[in-house]
Amino acid sequence: MDDEQLERGLVFDDFETSAAARIAKLEYEAELHRRRCRELQAGLDAAKQVQAAKALPAEARRAIDAMLSGRAKLVDILQLVALAYPDRVVVLNSAWKSAAESEDFKYPEVARSLLRRLVTSYWEAIVDGRGDAVARRAFTTKEFSAGESETVETNKRAQRLRTFRYRHRDVVMNAHLKHGIKDSAAETLRIHFQWDPDDGRVVIGHCGRHLDHA
């Protein structure tokens, strides 16, 4: 090998070494950028969580705390369902009032199960076009009633108790979910509701003790 060839070889070796060094440097810098992006994303996610926590209504925060501590009341469970499924359920003022009045209800897990199925399995079946006859299979025959007895439905006072103000009009809600038969706010639960096809949501008018039959 003559001197010229040797020189060219040394230059090529230097070029390869230099190129490899530049590639290694670029890869290192790229990794630093990726690491920085991950750190920024983590910071952004944390900030979003803090912002979401600050935006959480006081009632929702109280309901979550009550649930986590094992002392949830009926109104707490209703609050969590309304918070978790705002696109599926409307809770009327009358329902909030009746739930608050049933603070001694002994079976919060029963209420949680009924309300959860109402806004999941039942709602999904209705939205999918399978109809109420299929949707009600989310409940047992002891838990679901599509209406009241003829005596109740023909009694004016009983129907007034089952009539709720929704979107500037009176709506009779005879369909209901149920637990217990005693005339006791501690033992019995009735959830009267109506499906709103225009809004695509379940409207709850009452969530509390058994309403009078007459």
N, C-alpha and C. Protein backbone atom coordinates (compact mmCIF):
# COMPACT_ATOMS: atom_id res chain seq x y z
N MET A 1 0.84 -1.18 0.00
CA MET A 1 0.00 0.00 0.00
C MET A 1 0.89 1.25 0.00
N ASP A 2 0.66 2.17 -0.99
CA ASP A 2 1.48 3.38 -1.05
C ASP A 2 0.99 4.40 -0.04
N ASP A 3 1.73 5.48 0.06
CA ASP A 3 1.40 6.51 1.06
C ASP A 3 0.04 7.15 0.82
N GLU A 4 -0.29 7.34 -0.47
CA GLU A 4 -1.58 7.97 -0.81
C GLU A 4 -2.74 7.10 -0.36
N GLN A 5 -2.66 5.79 -0.60
CA GLN A 5 -3.71 4.87 -0.18
C GLN A 5 -3.82 4.84 1.34
N LEU A 6 -2.68 4.85 2.00
CA LEU A 6 -2.67 4.83 3.45
C LEU A 6 -3.34 6.09 4.01
N GLU A 7 -3.03 7.21 3.39
CA GLU A 7 -3.63 8.47 3.83
C GLU A 7 -5.14 8.47 3.65
N ARG A 8 -5.54 7.94 2.47
CA ARG A 8 -6.99 7.88 2.24
C ARG A 8 -7.66 6.97 3.27
N GLY A 9 -7.02 5.87 3.62
CA GLY A 9 -7.58 4.95 4.60
C GLY A 9 -7.70 5.58 5.97
N LEU A 10 -6.68 6.34 6.34
CA LEU A 10 -6.72 7.02 7.64
C LEU A 10 -7.82 8.06 7.69
N VAL A 11 -7.97 8.79 6.55
CA VAL A 11 -9.02 9.79 6.48
C VAL A 11 -10.40 9.14 6.60
N PHE A 12 -10.57 7.99 5.92
CA PHE A 12 -11.85 7.27 5.96
C PHE A 12 -12.14 6.77 7.38
N ASP A 13 -11.08 6.24 8.04
CA ASP A 13 -11.26 5.77 9.41
C ASP A 13 -11.66 6.92 10.33
N ASP A 14 -11.03 8.08 10.10
CA ASP A 14 -11.38 9.24 10.91
C ASP A 14 -12.82 9.66 10.67
N PHE A 15 -13.25 9.56 9.39
CA PHE A 15 -14.62 9.93 9.03
C PHE A 15 -15.62 9.01 9.70
N GLU A 16 -15.32 7.69 9.66
CA GLU A 16 -16.22 6.72 10.31
C GLU A 16 -16.31 6.97 11.81
N THR A 17 -15.14 7.22 12.41
CA THR A 17 -15.11 7.48 13.85
C THR A 17 -15.91 8.74 14.18
N SER A 18 -15.71 9.78 13.34
CA SER A 18 -16.41 11.03 13.56
C SER A 18 -17.91 10.86 13.37
N ALA A 19 -18.31 10.13 12.34
CA ALA A 19 -19.73 9.90 12.07
C ALA A 19 -20.38 9.10 13.20
N ALA A 20 -19.67 8.08 13.66
CA ALA A 20 -20.20 7.26 14.76
C ALA A 20 -20.36 8.10 16.01
N ALA A 21 -19.39 8.98 16.22
CA ALA A 21 -19.46 9.85 17.40
C ALA A 21 -20.64 10.79 17.30
N ARG A 22 -20.87 11.33 16.10
CA ARG A 22 -22.00 12.24 15.92
C ARG A 22 -23.32 11.51 16.11
N ILE A 23 -23.40 10.30 15.59
CA ILE A 23 -24.62 9.50 15.75
C ILE A 23 -24.88 9.21 17.22
N ALA A 24 -23.82 8.82 17.92
CA ALA A 24 -23.95 8.53 19.35
C ALA A 24 -24.39 9.77 20.10
N LYS A 25 -23.83 10.92 19.73
CA LYS A 25 -24.20 12.17 20.38
C LYS A 25 -25.67 12.51 20.12
N LEU A 26 -26.08 12.32 18.85
CA LEU A 26 -27.47 12.62 18.50
C LEU A 26 -28.44 11.69 19.23
N GLU A 27 -28.07 10.41 19.31
CA GLU A 27 -28.92 9.45 20.02
C GLU A 27 -29.03 9.81 21.50
N TYR A 28 -27.91 10.24 22.08
CA TYR A 28 -27.90 10.64 23.48
C TYR A 28 -28.80 11.87 23.69
N GLU A 29 -28.68 12.84 22.78
CA GLU A 29 -29.51 14.05 22.89
C GLU A 29 -30.98 13.72 22.69
N ALA A 30 -31.25 12.78 21.76
CA ALA A 30 -32.64 12.38 21.52
C ALA A 30 -33.23 11.72 22.77
N GLU A 31 -32.44 10.90 23.45
CA GLU A 31 -32.90 10.25 24.67
C GLU A 31 -33.17 11.29 25.76
N LEU A 32 -32.29 12.30 25.83
CA LEU A 32 -32.52 13.38 26.80
C LEU A 32 -33.82 14.10 26.50
N HIS A 33 -34.12 14.34 25.22
CA HIS A 33 -35.36 15.00 24.83
C HIS A 33 -36.57 14.13 25.18
N ARG A 34 -36.45 12.83 24.92
CA ARG A 34 -37.56 11.92 25.23
C ARG A 34 -37.82 11.89 26.74
N ARG A 35 -36.72 11.87 27.50
CA ARG A 35 -36.85 11.86 28.96
C ARG A 35 -37.52 13.15 29.44
N ARG A 36 -37.13 14.25 28.86
CA ARG A 36 -37.69 15.53 29.23
C ARG A 36 -39.18 15.59 28.87
N CYS A 37 -39.52 15.03 27.72
CA CYS A 37 -40.93 15.00 27.30
C CYS A 37 -41.76 14.17 28.27
N ARG A 38 -41.19 13.04 28.72
CA ARG A 38 -41.91 12.21 29.69
C ARG A 38 -42.11 12.95 30.99
N GLU A 39 -41.08 13.68 31.41
CA GLU A 39 -41.19 14.45 32.64
C GLU A 39 -42.25 15.54 32.51
N LEU A 40 -42.26 16.21 31.35
CA LEU A 40 -43.25 17.26 31.13
C LEU A 40 -44.65 16.69 31.09
N GLN A 41 -44.80 15.50 30.44
CA GLN A 41 -46.12 14.87 30.36
C GLN A 41 -46.60 14.46 31.74
N ALA A 42 -45.67 13.93 32.56
CA ALA A 42 -46.03 13.54 33.92
C ALA A 42 -46.48 14.76 34.73
N GLY A 43 -45.76 15.87 34.53
CA GLY A 43 -46.14 17.10 35.22
C GLY A 43 -47.49 17.62 34.77
N LEU A 44 -47.75 17.51 33.46
CA LEU A 44 -49.03 17.94 32.91
C LEU A 44 -50.17 17.08 33.44
N ASP A 45 -49.96 15.76 33.48
CA ASP A 45 -50.98 14.85 34.01
C ASP A 45 -51.28 15.15 35.47
N ALA A 46 -50.22 15.42 36.24
CA ALA A 46 -50.40 15.73 37.65
C ALA A 46 -51.19 17.03 37.82
N ALA A 47 -50.87 18.01 36.97
CA ALA A 47 -51.57 19.30 37.04
C ALA A 47 -53.04 19.13 36.69
N LYS A 48 -53.32 18.27 35.71
CA LYS A 48 -54.70 18.01 35.34
C LYS A 48 -55.47 17.37 36.48
N GLN A 49 -54.82 16.45 37.18
CA GLN A 49 -55.46 15.78 38.31
C GLN A 49 -55.77 16.77 39.42
N VAL A 50 -54.83 17.65 39.67
CA VAL A 50 -55.05 18.67 40.70
C VAL A 50 -56.20 19.58 40.31
N GLN A 51 -56.22 19.97 39.02
CA GLN A 51 -57.27 20.85 38.54
C GLN A 51 -58.63 20.16 38.62
N ALA A 52 -58.65 18.87 38.26
CA ALA A 52 -59.90 18.12 38.33
C ALA A 52 -60.39 18.01 39.77
N ALA A 53 -59.44 17.80 40.69
CA ALA A 53 -59.81 17.70 42.10
C ALA A 53 -60.38 19.02 42.60
N LYS A 54 -59.78 20.12 42.16
CA LYS A 54 -60.28 21.43 42.58
C LYS A 54 -61.66 21.70 42.02
N ALA A 55 -61.93 21.14 40.81
CA ALA A 55 -63.22 21.38 40.17
C ALA A 55 -64.32 20.46 40.70
N LEU A 56 -63.94 19.44 41.47
CA LEU A 56 -64.91 18.49 41.99
C LEU A 56 -65.84 19.18 42.98
N PRO A 57 -67.14 19.08 42.77
CA PRO A 57 -68.08 19.71 43.69
C PRO A 57 -67.92 19.19 45.11
N ALA A 58 -68.21 20.03 46.07
CA ALA A 58 -68.06 19.65 47.48
C ALA A 58 -68.93 18.45 47.81
N GLU A 59 -70.14 18.38 47.21
CA GLU A 59 -71.04 17.27 47.48
C GLU A 59 -70.46 15.95 46.97
N ALA A 60 -69.81 16.03 45.79
CA ALA A 60 -69.20 14.83 45.21
C ALA A 60 -68.02 14.38 46.05
N ARG A 61 -67.20 15.33 46.51
CA ARG A 61 -66.07 14.99 47.36
C ARG A 61 -66.54 14.32 48.65
N ARG A 62 -67.60 14.86 49.23
CA ARG A 62 -68.15 14.28 50.46
C ARG A 62 -68.68 12.88 50.21
N ALA A 63 -69.34 12.69 49.06
CA ALA A 63 -69.90 11.37 48.73
C ALA A 63 -68.79 10.34 48.54
N ILE A 64 -67.73 10.73 47.87
CA ILE A 64 -66.60 9.83 47.65
C ILE A 64 -65.96 9.46 48.99
N ASP A 65 -65.78 10.45 49.84
CA ASP A 65 -65.19 10.20 51.16
C ASP A 65 -66.08 9.26 51.97
N ALA A 66 -67.38 9.45 51.90
CA ALA A 66 -68.31 8.59 52.64
C ALA A 66 -68.25 7.16 52.13
N MET A 67 -68.16 7.01 50.81
CA MET A 67 -68.09 5.67 50.22
C MET A 67 -66.79 4.97 50.62
N LEU A 68 -65.67 5.69 50.53
CA LEU A 68 -64.38 5.10 50.85
C LEU A 68 -64.27 4.74 52.33
N SER A 69 -64.94 5.49 53.17
CA SER A 69 -64.86 5.24 54.60
C SER A 69 -65.91 4.23 55.08
N GLY A 70 -66.75 3.75 54.17
CA GLY A 70 -67.74 2.75 54.52
C GLY A 70 -68.95 3.28 55.25
N ARG A 71 -69.21 4.57 55.14
CA ARG A 71 -70.37 5.15 55.84
C ARG A 71 -71.30 5.88 54.87
N ALA A 72 -71.36 5.42 53.64
CA ALA A 72 -72.17 6.07 52.62
C ALA A 72 -73.66 5.95 52.92
N LYS A 73 -74.35 7.06 52.75
CA LYS A 73 -75.80 7.10 52.86
C LYS A 73 -76.40 7.00 51.46
N LEU A 74 -77.71 6.88 51.42
CA LEU A 74 -78.41 6.77 50.15
C LEU A 74 -78.11 7.96 49.24
N VAL A 75 -78.10 9.16 49.79
CA VAL A 75 -77.86 10.36 48.99
C VAL A 75 -76.43 10.38 48.44
N ASP A 76 -75.47 9.78 49.17
CA ASP A 76 -74.09 9.71 48.69
C ASP A 76 -73.99 8.82 47.46
N ILE A 77 -74.68 7.71 47.50
CA ILE A 77 -74.65 6.78 46.38
C ILE A 77 -75.31 7.41 45.15
N LEU A 78 -76.41 8.10 45.37
CA LEU A 78 -77.09 8.79 44.28
C LEU A 78 -76.17 9.86 43.69
N GLN A 79 -75.43 10.55 44.54
CA GLN A 79 -74.49 11.59 44.10
C GLN A 79 -73.39 10.99 43.22
N LEU A 80 -72.85 9.86 43.61
CA LEU A 80 -71.78 9.22 42.85
C LEU A 80 -72.27 8.73 41.49
N VAL A 81 -73.47 8.19 41.46
CA VAL A 81 -74.04 7.73 40.18
C VAL A 81 -74.26 8.92 39.24
N ALA A 82 -74.79 10.00 39.78
CA ALA A 82 -75.01 11.20 38.96
C ALA A 82 -73.70 11.78 38.46
N LEU A 83 -72.66 11.71 39.28
CA LEU A 83 -71.34 12.22 38.92
C LEU A 83 -70.68 11.34 37.87
N ALA A 84 -70.80 10.03 38.03
CA ALA A 84 -70.13 9.09 37.13
C ALA A 84 -70.83 8.95 35.78
N TYR A 85 -72.15 9.16 35.74
CA TYR A 85 -72.91 8.93 34.51
C TYR A 85 -73.79 10.13 34.15
N PRO A 86 -73.21 11.31 34.00
CA PRO A 86 -74.03 12.49 33.69
C PRO A 86 -74.70 12.42 32.32
N ASP A 87 -74.15 11.59 31.44
CA ASP A 87 -74.73 11.44 30.10
C ASP A 87 -75.82 10.37 30.06
N ARG A 88 -76.07 9.72 31.20
CA ARG A 88 -77.04 8.63 31.22
C ARG A 88 -78.20 8.84 32.20
N VAL A 89 -78.02 9.75 33.14
CA VAL A 89 -79.05 9.88 34.17
C VAL A 89 -79.27 11.35 34.54
N VAL A 90 -80.52 11.66 34.83
CA VAL A 90 -80.91 12.97 35.36
C VAL A 90 -81.56 12.73 36.71
N VAL A 91 -81.05 13.39 37.74
CA VAL A 91 -81.62 13.24 39.07
C VAL A 91 -82.37 14.52 39.41
N LEU A 92 -83.68 14.42 39.55
CA LEU A 92 -84.50 15.59 39.84
C LEU A 92 -84.37 16.01 41.31
N ASN A 93 -84.72 17.25 41.58
CA ASN A 93 -84.66 17.75 42.95
C ASN A 93 -85.49 16.90 43.91
N SER A 94 -86.60 16.40 43.42
CA SER A 94 -87.46 15.56 44.26
C SER A 94 -86.74 14.28 44.67
N ALA A 95 -85.88 13.76 43.80
CA ALA A 95 -85.12 12.55 44.12
C ALA A 95 -84.05 12.84 45.16
N TRP A 96 -83.37 13.99 45.00
CA TRP A 96 -82.37 14.38 46.00
C TRP A 96 -83.03 14.53 47.38
N LYS A 97 -84.19 15.14 47.39
CA LYS A 97 -84.90 15.39 48.65
C LYS A 97 -85.31 14.07 49.31
N SER A 98 -85.86 13.17 48.53
CA SER A 98 -86.31 11.89 49.09
C SER A 98 -85.13 11.05 49.57
N ALA A 99 -84.01 11.12 48.86
CA ALA A 99 -82.81 10.37 49.28
C ALA A 99 -82.26 10.91 50.59
N ALA A 100 -82.25 12.23 50.72
CA ALA A 100 -81.76 12.85 51.95
C ALA A 100 -82.66 12.48 53.13
N GLU A 101 -83.94 12.36 52.88
CA GLU A 101 -84.89 12.02 53.94
C GLU A 101 -84.78 10.56 54.36
N SER A 102 -84.12 9.75 53.52
CA SER A 102 -83.95 8.32 53.83
C SER A 102 -82.52 8.03 54.28
N GLU A 103 -81.96 8.93 55.05
CA GLU A 103 -80.58 8.75 55.50
C GLU A 103 -80.40 7.55 56.42
N ASP A 104 -81.50 7.03 56.95
CA ASP A 104 -81.43 5.86 57.83
C ASP A 104 -81.56 4.53 57.08
N PHE A 105 -81.63 4.59 55.75
CA PHE A 105 -81.76 3.36 54.97
C PHE A 105 -80.58 2.43 55.28
N LYS A 106 -80.87 1.20 55.64
CA LYS A 106 -79.86 0.29 56.17
C LYS A 106 -79.03 -0.44 55.11
N TYR A 107 -79.47 -0.40 53.87
CA TYR A 107 -78.83 -1.25 52.88
C TYR A 107 -78.25 -0.45 51.70
N PRO A 108 -77.19 0.32 51.92
CA PRO A 108 -76.62 1.13 50.84
C PRO A 108 -76.12 0.30 49.67
N GLU A 109 -75.66 -0.93 49.93
CA GLU A 109 -75.17 -1.78 48.84
C GLU A 109 -76.30 -2.17 47.90
N VAL A 110 -77.50 -2.32 48.44
CA VAL A 110 -78.66 -2.61 47.61
C VAL A 110 -78.94 -1.43 46.68
N ALA A 111 -78.92 -0.23 47.24
CA ALA A 111 -79.14 0.97 46.44
C ALA A 111 -78.06 1.12 45.37
N ARG A 112 -76.82 0.87 45.76
CA ARG A 112 -75.71 0.98 44.79
C ARG A 112 -75.90 0.02 43.64
N SER A 113 -76.28 -1.22 43.96
CA SER A 113 -76.46 -2.23 42.92
C SER A 113 -77.61 -1.87 41.97
N LEU A 114 -78.73 -1.45 42.53
CA LEU A 114 -79.90 -1.10 41.71
C LEU A 114 -79.59 0.09 40.80
N LEU A 115 -79.00 1.13 41.37
CA LEU A 115 -78.70 2.34 40.58
C LEU A 115 -77.64 2.07 39.52
N ARG A 116 -76.65 1.27 39.87
CA ARG A 116 -75.60 0.97 38.89
C ARG A 116 -76.17 0.22 37.70
N ARG A 117 -77.01 -0.77 37.95
CA ARG A 117 -77.61 -1.53 36.85
C ARG A 117 -78.56 -0.67 36.02
N LEU A 118 -79.21 0.28 36.69
CA LEU A 118 -80.13 1.17 35.98
C LEU A 118 -79.39 2.01 34.94
N VAL A 119 -78.20 2.49 35.29
CA VAL A 119 -77.46 3.38 34.38
C VAL A 119 -76.43 2.63 33.52
N THR A 120 -76.34 1.31 33.70
CA THR A 120 -75.42 0.53 32.85
C THR A 120 -76.23 -0.47 32.02
N SER A 121 -76.53 -1.62 32.58
CA SER A 121 -77.21 -2.68 31.81
C SER A 121 -78.55 -2.24 31.24
N TYR A 122 -79.39 -1.62 32.07
CA TYR A 122 -80.71 -1.19 31.61
C TYR A 122 -80.57 -0.11 30.54
N TRP A 123 -79.78 0.92 30.83
CA TRP A 123 -79.58 2.03 29.89
C TRP A 123 -79.02 1.53 28.56
N GLU A 124 -78.03 0.67 28.62
CA GLU A 124 -77.39 0.16 27.40
C GLU A 124 -78.37 -0.62 26.53
N ALA A 125 -79.21 -1.42 27.16
CA ALA A 125 -80.20 -2.20 26.39
C ALA A 125 -81.20 -1.27 25.71
N ILE A 126 -81.64 -0.23 26.41
CA ILE A 126 -82.58 0.73 25.82
C ILE A 126 -81.93 1.47 24.66
N VAL A 127 -80.72 1.94 24.85
CA VAL A 127 -80.01 2.69 23.81
C VAL A 127 -79.73 1.82 22.60
N ASP A 128 -79.48 0.54 22.83
CA ASP A 128 -79.22 -0.38 21.72
C ASP A 128 -80.49 -0.76 20.97
N GLY A 129 -81.63 -0.27 21.43
CA GLY A 129 -82.89 -0.53 20.74
C GLY A 129 -83.53 -1.86 21.07
N ARG A 130 -83.11 -2.48 22.18
CA ARG A 130 -83.66 -3.79 22.54
C ARG A 130 -84.96 -3.70 23.33
N GLY A 131 -85.33 -2.48 23.72
CA GLY A 131 -86.62 -2.28 24.35
C GLY A 131 -86.64 -2.57 25.84
N ASP A 132 -87.70 -2.09 26.48
CA ASP A 132 -87.83 -2.22 27.93
C ASP A 132 -87.96 -3.68 28.35
N ALA A 133 -88.62 -4.49 27.53
CA ALA A 133 -88.82 -5.90 27.90
C ALA A 133 -87.50 -6.63 28.07
N VAL A 134 -86.51 -6.25 27.29
CA VAL A 134 -85.18 -6.85 27.43
C VAL A 134 -84.38 -6.12 28.50
N ALA A 135 -84.46 -4.81 28.51
CA ALA A 135 -83.68 -4.00 29.44
C ALA A 135 -83.99 -4.37 30.90
N ARG A 136 -85.25 -4.66 31.19
CA ARG A 136 -85.63 -4.95 32.58
C ARG A 136 -85.02 -6.25 33.09
N ARG A 137 -84.46 -7.05 32.20
CA ARG A 137 -83.81 -8.29 32.64
C ARG A 137 -82.55 -8.01 33.47
N ALA A 138 -82.16 -6.76 33.52
CA ALA A 138 -81.03 -6.38 34.38
C ALA A 138 -81.41 -6.55 35.85
N PHE A 139 -82.72 -6.68 36.11
CA PHE A 139 -83.22 -6.80 37.48
C PHE A 139 -84.05 -8.07 37.63
N THR A 140 -84.22 -8.50 38.86
CA THR A 140 -85.11 -9.62 39.12
C THR A 140 -86.55 -9.09 39.14
N THR A 141 -87.50 -9.99 39.10
CA THR A 141 -88.90 -9.58 39.13
C THR A 141 -89.26 -8.93 40.47
N LYS A 142 -88.49 -9.24 41.51
CA LYS A 142 -88.73 -8.61 42.82
C LYS A 142 -88.14 -7.21 42.89
N GLU A 143 -87.23 -6.90 41.97
CA GLU A 143 -86.56 -5.60 42.00
C GLU A 143 -87.17 -4.57 41.05
N PHE A 144 -87.84 -5.04 40.01
CA PHE A 144 -88.32 -4.14 38.95
C PHE A 144 -89.83 -4.21 38.80
N SER A 145 -90.44 -3.05 38.65
CA SER A 145 -91.87 -2.99 38.36
C SER A 145 -92.10 -1.94 37.28
N ALA A 146 -92.72 -2.36 36.19
CA ALA A 146 -92.97 -1.44 35.08
C ALA A 146 -94.07 -0.45 35.39
N GLY A 147 -94.84 -0.72 36.42
CA GLY A 147 -95.94 0.17 36.80
C GLY A 147 -96.43 -0.15 38.19
N GLU A 148 -97.52 0.50 38.58
CA GLU A 148 -98.12 0.27 39.88
C GLU A 148 -99.38 -0.59 39.70
N SER A 149 -99.96 -0.96 40.79
CA SER A 149 -101.22 -1.71 40.73
C SER A 149 -102.32 -0.80 40.19
N GLU A 150 -103.39 -1.42 39.75
CA GLU A 150 -104.51 -0.63 39.22
C GLU A 150 -105.07 0.30 40.28
N THR A 151 -105.06 -0.16 41.53
CA THR A 151 -105.56 0.68 42.62
C THR A 151 -104.74 1.96 42.74
N VAL A 152 -103.43 1.83 42.66
CA VAL A 152 -102.55 2.99 42.78
C VAL A 152 -102.67 3.90 41.56
N GLU A 153 -102.73 3.29 40.38
CA GLU A 153 -102.75 4.08 39.15
C GLU A 153 -104.08 4.78 38.92
N THR A 154 -105.10 4.39 39.66
CA THR A 154 -106.39 5.06 39.53
C THR A 154 -106.68 5.97 40.73
N ASN A 155 -105.76 6.00 41.66
CA ASN A 155 -105.93 6.84 42.84
C ASN A 155 -105.24 8.19 42.59
N LYS A 156 -106.01 9.26 42.66
CA LYS A 156 -105.48 10.57 42.30
C LYS A 156 -104.34 11.02 43.23
N ARG A 157 -104.51 10.81 44.52
CA ARG A 157 -103.46 11.24 45.45
C ARG A 157 -102.18 10.43 45.24
N ALA A 158 -102.34 9.13 45.05
CA ALA A 158 -101.18 8.27 44.83
C ALA A 158 -100.44 8.67 43.56
N GLN A 159 -101.19 9.04 42.53
CA GLN A 159 -100.56 9.46 41.28
C GLN A 159 -99.87 10.81 41.40
N ARG A 160 -100.44 11.68 42.22
CA ARG A 160 -99.78 12.98 42.46
C ARG A 160 -98.42 12.78 43.12
N LEU A 161 -98.35 11.80 44.04
CA LEU A 161 -97.09 11.52 44.71
C LEU A 161 -96.04 10.96 43.75
N ARG A 162 -96.51 10.39 42.66
CA ARG A 162 -95.62 9.80 41.67
C ARG A 162 -95.45 10.69 40.43
N THR A 163 -95.86 11.91 40.55
CA THR A 163 -95.75 12.89 39.47
C THR A 163 -94.65 13.89 39.82
N PHE A 164 -93.72 14.07 38.88
CA PHE A 164 -92.55 14.91 39.14
C PHE A 164 -92.35 15.93 38.02
N ARG A 165 -91.82 17.07 38.40
CA ARG A 165 -91.62 18.16 37.45
C ARG A 165 -90.32 17.96 36.68
N TYR A 166 -90.45 17.84 35.37
CA TYR A 166 -89.28 17.62 34.53
C TYR A 166 -89.42 18.42 33.23
N ARG A 167 -88.50 19.31 33.01
CA ARG A 167 -88.49 20.14 31.81
C ARG A 167 -89.83 20.89 31.64
N HIS A 168 -90.24 21.51 32.69
CA HIS A 168 -91.42 22.39 32.71
C HIS A 168 -92.72 21.65 32.48
N ARG A 169 -92.72 20.37 32.76
CA ARG A 169 -93.97 19.63 32.65
C ARG A 169 -94.04 18.55 33.72
N ASP A 170 -95.26 18.12 34.02
CA ASP A 170 -95.46 17.07 35.02
C ASP A 170 -95.36 15.70 34.36
N VAL A 171 -94.54 14.84 34.94
CA VAL A 171 -94.34 13.49 34.39
C VAL A 171 -94.68 12.45 35.46
N VAL A 172 -95.60 11.55 35.14
CA VAL A 172 -95.96 10.47 36.07
C VAL A 172 -94.94 9.35 35.91
N MET A 173 -94.36 8.94 37.02
CA MET A 173 -93.36 7.87 36.99
C MET A 173 -93.83 6.70 37.85
N ASN A 174 -94.55 5.80 37.23
CA ASN A 174 -95.02 4.61 37.94
C ASN A 174 -93.99 3.48 37.91
N ALA A 175 -93.13 3.48 36.89
CA ALA A 175 -92.07 2.46 36.83
C ALA A 175 -91.10 2.70 37.99
N HIS A 176 -90.69 1.61 38.63
CA HIS A 176 -89.79 1.79 39.77
C HIS A 176 -88.98 0.54 40.08
N LEU A 177 -87.86 0.76 40.76
CA LEU A 177 -87.06 -0.31 41.32
C LEU A 177 -87.40 -0.38 42.81
N LYS A 178 -87.27 -1.55 43.41
CA LYS A 178 -87.77 -1.68 44.77
C LYS A 178 -86.96 -2.66 45.61
N HIS A 179 -87.02 -2.39 46.90
CA HIS A 179 -86.43 -3.29 47.90
C HIS A 179 -87.24 -3.13 49.17
N GLY A 180 -87.69 -4.27 49.73
CA GLY A 180 -88.44 -4.25 50.97
C GLY A 180 -89.90 -3.90 50.80
N ILE A 181 -90.69 -4.23 51.81
CA ILE A 181 -92.14 -3.97 51.75
C ILE A 181 -92.66 -3.23 52.97
N LYS A 182 -91.79 -3.05 53.98
CA LYS A 182 -92.23 -2.37 55.19
C LYS A 182 -92.42 -0.88 54.95
N ASP A 183 -93.30 -0.29 55.71
CA ASP A 183 -93.50 1.16 55.65
C ASP A 183 -92.44 1.82 56.52
N SER A 184 -91.19 1.74 56.05
CA SER A 184 -90.07 2.20 56.85
C SER A 184 -88.97 2.73 55.94
N ALA A 185 -88.49 3.94 56.22
CA ALA A 185 -87.41 4.52 55.42
C ALA A 185 -86.10 3.76 55.64
N ALA A 186 -85.99 3.06 56.74
CA ALA A 186 -84.78 2.31 57.04
C ALA A 186 -84.75 0.96 56.34
N GLU A 187 -85.92 0.41 56.03
CA GLU A 187 -86.00 -0.94 55.49
C GLU A 187 -86.39 -1.00 54.01
N THR A 188 -87.02 0.05 53.53
CA THR A 188 -87.63 0.00 52.20
C THR A 188 -87.08 1.08 51.28
N LEU A 189 -86.94 0.72 50.01
CA LEU A 189 -86.43 1.66 49.00
C LEU A 189 -87.28 1.57 47.73
N ARG A 190 -87.62 2.74 47.20
CA ARG A 190 -88.28 2.82 45.91
C ARG A 190 -87.56 3.88 45.06
N ILE A 191 -87.26 3.49 43.82
CA ILE A 191 -86.61 4.40 42.88
C ILE A 191 -87.53 4.54 41.67
N HIS A 192 -88.27 5.63 41.62
CA HIS A 192 -89.19 5.87 40.51
C HIS A 192 -88.46 6.62 39.40
N PHE A 193 -88.65 6.15 38.19
CA PHE A 193 -87.90 6.73 37.08
C PHE A 193 -88.69 6.69 35.77
N GLN A 194 -88.17 7.39 34.79
CA GLN A 194 -88.78 7.44 33.46
C GLN A 194 -87.66 7.53 32.42
N TRP A 195 -87.80 6.85 31.31
CA TRP A 195 -86.84 6.95 30.22
C TRP A 195 -87.22 8.13 29.33
N ASP A 196 -86.25 9.01 29.06
CA ASP A 196 -86.48 10.15 28.17
C ASP A 196 -85.82 9.83 26.83
N PRO A 197 -86.61 9.45 25.82
CA PRO A 197 -86.03 9.07 24.52
C PRO A 197 -85.41 10.25 23.78
N ASP A 198 -85.88 11.45 24.05
CA ASP A 198 -85.34 12.62 23.37
C ASP A 198 -83.94 12.98 23.89
N ASP A 199 -83.75 12.80 25.17
CA ASP A 199 -82.47 13.15 25.81
C ASP A 199 -81.55 11.95 25.92
N GLY A 200 -82.12 10.75 25.81
CA GLY A 200 -81.29 9.54 25.92
C GLY A 200 -80.81 9.28 27.33
N ARG A 201 -81.61 9.70 28.32
CA ARG A 201 -81.19 9.50 29.70
C ARG A 201 -82.36 8.99 30.56
N VAL A 202 -82.00 8.32 31.64
CA VAL A 202 -82.99 7.89 32.63
C VAL A 202 -83.22 9.06 33.59
N VAL A 203 -84.47 9.37 33.84
CA VAL A 203 -84.82 10.47 34.74
C VAL A 203 -85.34 9.88 36.04
N ILE A 204 -84.66 10.18 37.15
CA ILE A 204 -85.06 9.67 38.46
C ILE A 204 -85.84 10.77 39.21
N GLY A 205 -87.08 10.44 39.54
CA GLY A 205 -87.91 11.42 40.23
C GLY A 205 -88.01 11.21 41.73
N HIS A 206 -87.78 9.95 42.14
CA HIS A 206 -87.88 9.64 43.58
C HIS A 206 -86.88 8.55 43.90
N CYS A 207 -86.17 8.71 45.03
CA CYS A 207 -85.22 7.69 45.48
C CYS A 207 -85.25 7.69 47.01
N GLY A 208 -86.17 6.92 47.52
CA GLY A 208 -86.33 6.92 48.98
C GLY A 208 -87.37 5.93 49.43
N ARG A 209 -88.07 6.28 50.48
CA ARG A 209 -89.03 5.38 51.09
C ARG A 209 -90.21 5.08 50.17
N HIS A 210 -90.96 4.05 50.50
CA HIS A 210 -92.14 3.65 49.73
C HIS A 210 -93.16 4.79 49.74
N LEU A 211 -93.63 5.15 48.56
CA LEU A 211 -94.66 6.19 48.44
C LEU A 211 -96.02 5.62 48.81
N ASP A 212 -96.87 6.45 49.37
CA ASP A 212 -98.19 6.00 49.79
C ASP A 212 -98.99 5.48 48.59
N HIS A 213 -99.87 4.53 48.90
CA HIS A 213 -100.73 3.96 47.86
C HIS A 213 -102.02 4.74 47.69
N ALA A 214 -102.34 5.55 48.66
CA ALA A 214 -103.62 6.27 48.60
C ALA A 214 -103.47 7.64 49.25
